Amino acid sequence: MNVVLCGMMGVGKSTVGKKLQWLSGKTCVDTDLLIVQKHGQISEIFEKYGEEHFRNLETQTVQSLAKRDNLIISTGGGLVLREQNVSLLKEKGKIFFLRASLQTLLSRVTVNAARPLLSLGAEQKLRSLLPVRTPVYERVADYIIDTDERTVDDIAREILSYTE
């Protein structure tokens, strides 16, 4: 079974994924990192080809990962917005929505070139994305894990308790 981590940018998916890898021995893969390795920086993909092209690359990445088992998959913030991606991920996995408040996300997110959707201002962008994405994350999730004021170790151990 795969463990799939979804949620807003800055919620800690990559960090929790690495901790889960250490605790479980499963291989952790980050969809954004796989895209960067194969296609270049995400900000450049957005700039040159647009968001739709990037979303297509996410789907291609999910198609290859969905064939594998015993992975921890840390997804990009918008990956589960496509129902096709969700269906593929659920074939061999459980989706965990890592939920955090706006204040927590802002404290964790830094505006940089690696986060193209935040280029116009972190707070405004997160305020506009949260009400749109949160219901989707809640709908697709098999489990919802609140991350506010919790350690990475505590979050990872809670996720593992649902997979054993």
N, C-alpha and C. Protein backbone atom coordinates (compact mmCIF):
# COMPACT_ATOMS: atom_id res chain seq x y z
N MET A 1 0.83 -1.19 0.00
CA MET A 1 0.00 0.00 0.00
C MET A 1 0.88 1.25 0.00
N ASN A 2 0.46 2.23 -0.80
CA ASN A 2 1.13 3.53 -0.84
C ASN A 2 0.47 4.48 0.15
N VAL A 3 1.28 5.37 0.72
CA VAL A 3 0.80 6.46 1.56
C VAL A 3 0.94 7.72 0.73
N VAL A 4 -0.17 8.40 0.49
CA VAL A 4 -0.17 9.60 -0.35
C VAL A 4 -0.47 10.80 0.53
N LEU A 5 0.42 11.79 0.49
CA LEU A 5 0.27 13.00 1.29
C LEU A 5 -0.18 14.14 0.40
N CYS A 6 -1.31 14.76 0.76
CA CYS A 6 -1.78 15.92 0.02
C CYS A 6 -2.04 17.07 0.98
N GLY A 7 -2.15 18.26 0.44
CA GLY A 7 -2.42 19.44 1.24
C GLY A 7 -1.78 20.66 0.60
N MET A 8 -2.00 21.79 1.23
CA MET A 8 -1.49 23.06 0.72
C MET A 8 0.02 23.09 0.74
N MET A 9 0.57 23.92 -0.14
CA MET A 9 2.01 24.16 -0.11
C MET A 9 2.37 24.70 1.26
N GLY A 10 3.46 24.20 1.80
CA GLY A 10 3.91 24.66 3.10
C GLY A 10 3.38 23.88 4.29
N VAL A 11 2.51 22.91 4.04
CA VAL A 11 1.92 22.16 5.16
C VAL A 11 2.91 21.15 5.75
N GLY A 12 3.93 20.77 4.97
CA GLY A 12 4.93 19.84 5.49
C GLY A 12 4.91 18.48 4.84
N LYS A 13 4.33 18.35 3.67
CA LYS A 13 4.23 17.05 3.01
C LYS A 13 5.60 16.41 2.79
N SER A 14 6.54 17.18 2.27
CA SER A 14 7.88 16.64 2.01
C SER A 14 8.58 16.25 3.29
N THR A 15 8.47 17.08 4.30
CA THR A 15 9.13 16.81 5.58
C THR A 15 8.53 15.58 6.25
N VAL A 16 7.22 15.50 6.27
CA VAL A 16 6.54 14.34 6.86
C VAL A 16 6.86 13.09 6.04
N GLY A 17 6.91 13.23 4.72
CA GLY A 17 7.25 12.09 3.86
C GLY A 17 8.61 11.51 4.18
N LYS A 18 9.59 12.39 4.39
CA LYS A 18 10.94 11.92 4.74
C LYS A 18 10.94 11.21 6.09
N LYS A 19 10.18 11.74 7.04
CA LYS A 19 10.10 11.10 8.36
C LYS A 19 9.43 9.73 8.24
N LEU A 20 8.37 9.66 7.44
CA LEU A 20 7.69 8.38 7.22
C LEU A 20 8.63 7.36 6.58
N GLN A 21 9.44 7.82 5.66
CA GLN A 21 10.42 6.92 5.03
C GLN A 21 11.35 6.35 6.08
N TRP A 22 11.84 7.20 6.94
CA TRP A 22 12.76 6.78 7.99
C TRP A 22 12.10 5.79 8.96
N LEU A 23 10.84 6.06 9.32
CA LEU A 23 10.14 5.21 10.28
C LEU A 23 9.66 3.89 9.67
N SER A 24 9.26 3.91 8.41
CA SER A 24 8.63 2.74 7.81
C SER A 24 9.54 1.92 6.90
N GLY A 25 10.59 2.54 6.40
CA GLY A 25 11.45 1.85 5.44
C GLY A 25 10.94 1.90 4.01
N LYS A 26 9.77 2.51 3.80
CA LYS A 26 9.24 2.67 2.45
C LYS A 26 10.03 3.78 1.73
N THR A 27 9.98 3.75 0.42
CA THR A 27 10.63 4.78 -0.38
C THR A 27 9.71 5.99 -0.49
N CYS A 28 10.26 7.17 -0.24
CA CYS A 28 9.50 8.42 -0.35
C CYS A 28 9.83 9.09 -1.68
N VAL A 29 8.81 9.47 -2.41
CA VAL A 29 8.97 10.22 -3.65
C VAL A 29 8.14 11.48 -3.58
N ASP A 30 8.67 12.55 -4.12
CA ASP A 30 8.01 13.85 -4.13
C ASP A 30 7.69 14.16 -5.59
N THR A 31 6.42 14.31 -5.92
CA THR A 31 6.04 14.51 -7.31
C THR A 31 6.67 15.77 -7.90
N ASP A 32 6.74 16.84 -7.12
CA ASP A 32 7.36 18.07 -7.63
C ASP A 32 8.84 17.85 -7.94
N LEU A 33 9.54 17.13 -7.06
CA LEU A 33 10.96 16.87 -7.30
C LEU A 33 11.18 16.00 -8.53
N LEU A 34 10.30 15.02 -8.73
CA LEU A 34 10.41 14.17 -9.92
C LEU A 34 10.24 15.01 -11.19
N ILE A 35 9.29 15.94 -11.15
CA ILE A 35 9.07 16.80 -12.32
C ILE A 35 10.28 17.70 -12.56
N VAL A 36 10.83 18.26 -11.51
CA VAL A 36 12.02 19.11 -11.64
C VAL A 36 13.18 18.33 -12.24
N GLN A 37 13.39 17.11 -11.74
CA GLN A 37 14.49 16.29 -12.25
C GLN A 37 14.35 15.98 -13.74
N LYS A 38 13.12 15.80 -14.18
CA LYS A 38 12.89 15.39 -15.57
C LYS A 38 12.67 16.57 -16.52
N HIS A 39 12.05 17.67 -16.01
CA HIS A 39 11.62 18.74 -16.91
C HIS A 39 12.16 20.12 -16.58
N GLY A 40 12.84 20.28 -15.45
CA GLY A 40 13.36 21.59 -15.08
C GLY A 40 12.53 22.25 -13.99
N GLN A 41 12.95 23.44 -13.61
CA GLN A 41 12.31 24.15 -12.51
C GLN A 41 10.82 24.41 -12.77
N ILE A 42 10.02 24.24 -11.74
CA ILE A 42 8.57 24.43 -11.86
C ILE A 42 8.25 25.86 -12.27
N SER A 43 8.94 26.82 -11.70
CA SER A 43 8.67 28.22 -12.05
C SER A 43 8.90 28.47 -13.55
N GLU A 44 9.91 27.82 -14.12
CA GLU A 44 10.18 27.97 -15.55
C GLU A 44 9.12 27.26 -16.39
N ILE A 45 8.65 26.12 -15.92
CA ILE A 45 7.57 25.41 -16.63
C ILE A 45 6.32 26.29 -16.67
N PHE A 46 5.97 26.87 -15.53
CA PHE A 46 4.81 27.77 -15.46
C PHE A 46 5.00 28.95 -16.42
N GLU A 47 6.18 29.54 -16.39
CA GLU A 47 6.45 30.74 -17.19
C GLU A 47 6.42 30.44 -18.69
N LYS A 48 7.06 29.35 -19.09
CA LYS A 48 7.18 29.03 -20.51
C LYS A 48 5.93 28.37 -21.10
N TYR A 49 5.31 27.47 -20.31
CA TYR A 49 4.25 26.63 -20.86
C TYR A 49 2.89 26.78 -20.19
N GLY A 50 2.86 27.39 -19.02
CA GLY A 50 1.60 27.61 -18.32
C GLY A 50 1.27 26.51 -17.32
N GLU A 51 0.28 26.82 -16.48
CA GLU A 51 -0.11 25.90 -15.42
C GLU A 51 -0.69 24.61 -15.96
N GLU A 52 -1.46 24.66 -17.04
CA GLU A 52 -2.08 23.45 -17.59
C GLU A 52 -1.02 22.42 -18.01
N HIS A 53 0.04 22.90 -18.61
CA HIS A 53 1.13 21.99 -19.00
C HIS A 53 1.75 21.34 -17.76
N PHE A 54 1.96 22.13 -16.72
CA PHE A 54 2.50 21.58 -15.48
C PHE A 54 1.57 20.53 -14.91
N ARG A 55 0.26 20.78 -14.91
CA ARG A 55 -0.70 19.81 -14.39
C ARG A 55 -0.66 18.52 -15.21
N ASN A 56 -0.43 18.64 -16.52
CA ASN A 56 -0.29 17.44 -17.36
C ASN A 56 0.95 16.64 -16.97
N LEU A 57 2.03 17.34 -16.65
CA LEU A 57 3.24 16.65 -16.18
C LEU A 57 2.98 15.94 -14.86
N GLU A 58 2.19 16.56 -13.99
CA GLU A 58 1.82 15.90 -12.73
C GLU A 58 1.08 14.60 -13.00
N THR A 59 0.13 14.64 -13.93
CA THR A 59 -0.64 13.44 -14.26
C THR A 59 0.26 12.35 -14.82
N GLN A 60 1.19 12.70 -15.69
CA GLN A 60 2.14 11.72 -16.22
C GLN A 60 2.94 11.09 -15.08
N THR A 61 3.35 11.91 -14.13
CA THR A 61 4.12 11.42 -12.98
C THR A 61 3.29 10.46 -12.15
N VAL A 62 2.04 10.81 -11.90
CA VAL A 62 1.15 9.95 -11.12
C VAL A 62 0.91 8.63 -11.84
N GLN A 63 0.76 8.68 -13.15
CA GLN A 63 0.55 7.45 -13.91
C GLN A 63 1.70 6.47 -13.71
N SER A 64 2.92 6.96 -13.67
CA SER A 64 4.06 6.06 -13.47
C SER A 64 4.15 5.59 -12.02
N LEU A 65 3.85 6.46 -11.06
CA LEU A 65 3.94 6.07 -9.65
C LEU A 65 2.82 5.12 -9.25
N ALA A 66 1.66 5.27 -9.85
CA ALA A 66 0.49 4.46 -9.46
C ALA A 66 0.69 2.97 -9.73
N LYS A 67 1.64 2.64 -10.57
CA LYS A 67 1.92 1.24 -10.88
C LYS A 67 2.76 0.58 -9.79
N ARG A 68 3.37 1.39 -8.94
CA ARG A 68 4.29 0.88 -7.92
C ARG A 68 3.56 0.71 -6.59
N ASP A 69 4.23 0.03 -5.65
CA ASP A 69 3.64 -0.23 -4.35
C ASP A 69 4.67 0.08 -3.26
N ASN A 70 4.19 0.26 -2.03
CA ASN A 70 5.04 0.54 -0.87
C ASN A 70 5.81 1.85 -0.99
N LEU A 71 5.13 2.86 -1.51
CA LEU A 71 5.72 4.19 -1.62
C LEU A 71 5.05 5.15 -0.66
N ILE A 72 5.78 6.18 -0.32
CA ILE A 72 5.21 7.36 0.31
C ILE A 72 5.28 8.43 -0.77
N ILE A 73 4.14 8.95 -1.18
CA ILE A 73 4.08 9.90 -2.28
C ILE A 73 3.67 11.26 -1.73
N SER A 74 4.59 12.20 -1.79
CA SER A 74 4.32 13.58 -1.39
C SER A 74 3.90 14.33 -2.65
N THR A 75 2.67 14.82 -2.68
CA THR A 75 2.13 15.43 -3.89
C THR A 75 2.27 16.95 -3.87
N GLY A 76 2.30 17.52 -5.05
CA GLY A 76 2.23 18.98 -5.17
C GLY A 76 0.86 19.45 -4.70
N GLY A 77 0.78 20.70 -4.29
CA GLY A 77 -0.46 21.23 -3.71
C GLY A 77 -1.69 21.11 -4.57
N GLY A 78 -1.54 21.16 -5.90
CA GLY A 78 -2.71 21.10 -6.78
C GLY A 78 -2.92 19.76 -7.45
N LEU A 79 -2.09 18.79 -7.17
CA LEU A 79 -2.14 17.52 -7.88
C LEU A 79 -3.49 16.81 -7.74
N VAL A 80 -4.08 16.82 -6.55
CA VAL A 80 -5.33 16.08 -6.35
C VAL A 80 -6.56 16.84 -6.85
N LEU A 81 -6.36 18.00 -7.45
CA LEU A 81 -7.49 18.73 -8.04
C LEU A 81 -8.03 18.02 -9.28
N ARG A 82 -7.20 17.19 -9.88
CA ARG A 82 -7.63 16.38 -11.03
C ARG A 82 -8.12 15.03 -10.53
N GLU A 83 -9.35 14.73 -10.85
CA GLU A 83 -9.96 13.48 -10.42
C GLU A 83 -9.21 12.26 -10.95
N GLN A 84 -8.65 12.37 -12.15
CA GLN A 84 -7.86 11.27 -12.73
C GLN A 84 -6.69 10.92 -11.81
N ASN A 85 -6.03 11.93 -11.28
CA ASN A 85 -4.89 11.70 -10.39
C ASN A 85 -5.34 10.99 -9.12
N VAL A 86 -6.47 11.43 -8.58
CA VAL A 86 -7.00 10.84 -7.35
C VAL A 86 -7.32 9.36 -7.57
N SER A 87 -8.00 9.07 -8.67
CA SER A 87 -8.36 7.68 -8.97
C SER A 87 -7.13 6.79 -9.09
N LEU A 88 -6.12 7.28 -9.77
CA LEU A 88 -4.88 6.51 -9.92
C LEU A 88 -4.20 6.28 -8.57
N LEU A 89 -4.14 7.32 -7.76
CA LEU A 89 -3.46 7.21 -6.46
C LEU A 89 -4.19 6.27 -5.51
N LYS A 90 -5.52 6.23 -5.61
CA LYS A 90 -6.30 5.39 -4.71
C LYS A 90 -6.27 3.91 -5.09
N GLU A 91 -5.82 3.60 -6.29
CA GLU A 91 -5.75 2.19 -6.71
C GLU A 91 -4.88 1.37 -5.77
N LYS A 92 -3.76 1.94 -5.35
CA LYS A 92 -2.84 1.22 -4.47
C LYS A 92 -2.48 2.03 -3.23
N GLY A 93 -3.29 3.03 -2.90
CA GLY A 93 -2.89 3.86 -1.78
C GLY A 93 -4.04 4.47 -1.01
N LYS A 94 -3.67 5.05 0.11
CA LYS A 94 -4.58 5.82 0.95
C LYS A 94 -4.08 7.26 0.93
N ILE A 95 -5.02 8.19 0.81
CA ILE A 95 -4.67 9.61 0.75
C ILE A 95 -4.87 10.24 2.12
N PHE A 96 -3.81 10.91 2.57
CA PHE A 96 -3.82 11.62 3.85
C PHE A 96 -3.74 13.12 3.57
N PHE A 97 -4.77 13.85 3.99
CA PHE A 97 -4.79 15.30 3.86
C PHE A 97 -4.14 15.89 5.10
N LEU A 98 -3.00 16.54 4.92
CA LEU A 98 -2.33 17.24 6.01
C LEU A 98 -2.92 18.65 6.04
N ARG A 99 -3.66 18.93 7.09
CA ARG A 99 -4.40 20.19 7.19
C ARG A 99 -3.70 21.15 8.16
N ALA A 100 -3.66 22.42 7.78
CA ALA A 100 -3.07 23.45 8.64
C ALA A 100 -3.83 24.75 8.45
N SER A 101 -3.79 25.58 9.47
CA SER A 101 -4.45 26.89 9.41
C SER A 101 -3.64 27.84 8.52
N LEU A 102 -4.27 28.91 8.10
CA LEU A 102 -3.60 29.94 7.31
C LEU A 102 -2.37 30.45 8.05
N GLN A 103 -2.50 30.69 9.34
CA GLN A 103 -1.39 31.21 10.12
C GLN A 103 -0.20 30.25 10.13
N THR A 104 -0.48 28.96 10.27
CA THR A 104 0.59 27.95 10.25
C THR A 104 1.24 27.91 8.88
N LEU A 105 0.45 27.92 7.83
CA LEU A 105 1.00 27.88 6.47
C LEU A 105 1.89 29.09 6.21
N LEU A 106 1.42 30.26 6.60
CA LEU A 106 2.22 31.47 6.38
C LEU A 106 3.54 31.43 7.14
N SER A 107 3.52 30.83 8.31
CA SER A 107 4.76 30.75 9.09
C SER A 107 5.77 29.79 8.45
N ARG A 108 5.27 28.87 7.62
CA ARG A 108 6.14 27.85 7.02
C ARG A 108 6.57 28.18 5.59
N VAL A 109 5.80 29.03 4.91
CA VAL A 109 6.04 29.28 3.50
C VAL A 109 6.91 30.52 3.33
N THR A 110 7.91 30.39 2.51
CA THR A 110 8.70 31.54 2.11
C THR A 110 8.48 31.77 0.63
N VAL A 111 8.37 33.00 0.24
CA VAL A 111 8.17 33.32 -1.17
C VAL A 111 9.50 33.15 -1.88
N ASN A 112 9.51 32.22 -2.83
CA ASN A 112 10.72 32.01 -3.63
C ASN A 112 10.34 31.48 -5.00
N ALA A 113 11.32 31.33 -5.85
CA ALA A 113 11.07 30.91 -7.23
C ALA A 113 10.50 29.50 -7.31
N ALA A 114 10.69 28.70 -6.28
CA ALA A 114 10.19 27.33 -6.32
C ALA A 114 8.69 27.25 -6.10
N ARG A 115 8.07 28.35 -5.68
CA ARG A 115 6.63 28.38 -5.44
C ARG A 115 5.98 29.43 -6.34
N PRO A 116 5.79 29.11 -7.64
CA PRO A 116 5.30 30.11 -8.59
C PRO A 116 3.92 30.65 -8.26
N LEU A 117 3.07 29.86 -7.64
CA LEU A 117 1.74 30.36 -7.33
C LEU A 117 1.75 31.40 -6.21
N LEU A 118 2.87 31.55 -5.52
CA LEU A 118 2.95 32.53 -4.45
C LEU A 118 3.67 33.81 -4.87
N SER A 119 4.01 33.92 -6.13
CA SER A 119 4.83 35.05 -6.57
C SER A 119 4.16 36.40 -6.36
N LEU A 120 2.86 36.45 -6.26
CA LEU A 120 2.16 37.72 -6.10
C LEU A 120 1.86 38.06 -4.65
N GLY A 121 2.32 37.29 -3.73
CA GLY A 121 2.07 37.56 -2.32
C GLY A 121 1.50 36.34 -1.64
N ALA A 122 2.24 35.86 -0.66
CA ALA A 122 1.88 34.61 -0.01
C ALA A 122 0.52 34.67 0.67
N GLU A 123 0.29 35.70 1.45
CA GLU A 123 -0.96 35.72 2.21
C GLU A 123 -2.18 35.81 1.30
N GLN A 124 -2.15 36.70 0.32
CA GLN A 124 -3.31 36.83 -0.58
C GLN A 124 -3.56 35.53 -1.34
N LYS A 125 -2.48 34.92 -1.83
CA LYS A 125 -2.64 33.69 -2.61
C LYS A 125 -3.17 32.55 -1.75
N LEU A 126 -2.61 32.40 -0.56
CA LEU A 126 -3.11 31.34 0.33
C LEU A 126 -4.56 31.60 0.72
N ARG A 127 -4.91 32.86 0.97
CA ARG A 127 -6.31 33.19 1.31
C ARG A 127 -7.26 32.83 0.17
N SER A 128 -6.79 32.97 -1.07
CA SER A 128 -7.67 32.64 -2.19
C SER A 128 -7.69 31.13 -2.48
N LEU A 129 -6.57 30.44 -2.23
CA LEU A 129 -6.51 29.00 -2.52
C LEU A 129 -7.17 28.13 -1.46
N LEU A 130 -7.03 28.52 -0.20
CA LEU A 130 -7.55 27.68 0.90
C LEU A 130 -9.04 27.34 0.75
N PRO A 131 -9.92 28.32 0.52
CA PRO A 131 -11.34 27.96 0.43
C PRO A 131 -11.69 27.12 -0.80
N VAL A 132 -10.88 27.18 -1.82
CA VAL A 132 -11.12 26.38 -3.02
C VAL A 132 -10.57 24.97 -2.85
N ARG A 133 -9.35 24.86 -2.34
CA ARG A 133 -8.69 23.56 -2.28
C ARG A 133 -9.08 22.73 -1.06
N THR A 134 -9.33 23.36 0.07
CA THR A 134 -9.63 22.58 1.28
C THR A 134 -10.79 21.61 1.08
N PRO A 135 -11.93 22.04 0.51
CA PRO A 135 -13.01 21.06 0.31
C PRO A 135 -12.62 19.89 -0.59
N VAL A 136 -11.77 20.15 -1.57
CA VAL A 136 -11.30 19.07 -2.46
C VAL A 136 -10.43 18.10 -1.67
N TYR A 137 -9.47 18.65 -0.91
CA TYR A 137 -8.61 17.79 -0.09
C TYR A 137 -9.45 16.94 0.86
N GLU A 138 -10.44 17.55 1.50
CA GLU A 138 -11.28 16.81 2.45
C GLU A 138 -12.07 15.71 1.74
N ARG A 139 -12.55 16.00 0.54
CA ARG A 139 -13.35 15.03 -0.21
C ARG A 139 -12.53 13.82 -0.65
N VAL A 140 -11.30 14.06 -1.11
CA VAL A 140 -10.50 12.96 -1.66
C VAL A 140 -9.76 12.17 -0.58
N ALA A 141 -9.63 12.75 0.60
CA ALA A 141 -8.82 12.12 1.66
C ALA A 141 -9.50 10.91 2.27
N ASP A 142 -8.68 9.90 2.51
CA ASP A 142 -9.12 8.77 3.32
C ASP A 142 -8.98 9.11 4.80
N TYR A 143 -7.99 9.96 5.11
CA TYR A 143 -7.74 10.41 6.49
C TYR A 143 -7.35 11.88 6.47
N ILE A 144 -7.79 12.61 7.49
CA ILE A 144 -7.41 14.02 7.65
C ILE A 144 -6.56 14.13 8.90
N ILE A 145 -5.37 14.71 8.73
CA ILE A 145 -4.42 14.85 9.83
C ILE A 145 -4.20 16.34 10.07
N ASP A 146 -4.59 16.83 11.24
CA ASP A 146 -4.33 18.23 11.59
C ASP A 146 -2.89 18.38 12.03
N THR A 147 -2.21 19.39 11.49
CA THR A 147 -0.78 19.54 11.74
C THR A 147 -0.42 20.75 12.59
N ASP A 148 -1.37 21.61 12.88
CA ASP A 148 -1.07 22.81 13.68
C ASP A 148 -0.49 22.41 15.03
N GLU A 149 0.61 23.05 15.38
CA GLU A 149 1.24 22.88 16.69
C GLU A 149 1.60 21.42 17.01
N ARG A 150 1.97 20.66 15.97
CA ARG A 150 2.37 19.26 16.16
C ARG A 150 3.74 19.05 15.56
N THR A 151 4.48 18.11 16.10
CA THR A 151 5.79 17.80 15.56
C THR A 151 5.67 16.88 14.35
N VAL A 152 6.69 16.89 13.54
CA VAL A 152 6.75 16.01 12.38
C VAL A 152 6.68 14.55 12.82
N ASP A 153 7.37 14.22 13.88
CA ASP A 153 7.38 12.85 14.40
C ASP A 153 5.97 12.42 14.81
N ASP A 154 5.26 13.29 15.49
CA ASP A 154 3.90 12.98 15.94
C ASP A 154 2.97 12.76 14.75
N ILE A 155 3.07 13.62 13.75
CA ILE A 155 2.23 13.50 12.55
C ILE A 155 2.54 12.19 11.82
N ALA A 156 3.82 11.90 11.64
CA ALA A 156 4.21 10.68 10.93
C ALA A 156 3.74 9.43 11.67
N ARG A 157 3.87 9.43 12.97
CA ARG A 157 3.42 8.27 13.75
C ARG A 157 1.91 8.09 13.69
N GLU A 158 1.15 9.18 13.65
CA GLU A 158 -0.29 9.06 13.49
C GLU A 158 -0.63 8.44 12.14
N ILE A 159 0.03 8.88 11.10
CA ILE A 159 -0.21 8.31 9.76
C ILE A 159 0.11 6.82 9.76
N LEU A 160 1.23 6.46 10.33
CA LEU A 160 1.61 5.03 10.38
C LEU A 160 0.59 4.20 11.15
N SER A 161 -0.03 4.78 12.16
CA SER A 161 -1.03 4.03 12.94
C SER A 161 -2.22 3.63 12.08
N TYR A 162 -2.48 4.37 11.01
CA TYR A 162 -3.59 4.04 10.11
C TYR A 162 -3.19 3.06 9.01
N THR A 163 -1.90 2.81 8.88
CA THR A 163 -1.44 1.96 7.77
C THR A 163 -0.96 0.60 8.23
N GLU A 164 -0.93 0.37 9.53
CA GLU A 164 -0.42 -0.91 10.04
C GLU A 164 -1.53 -1.91 10.27
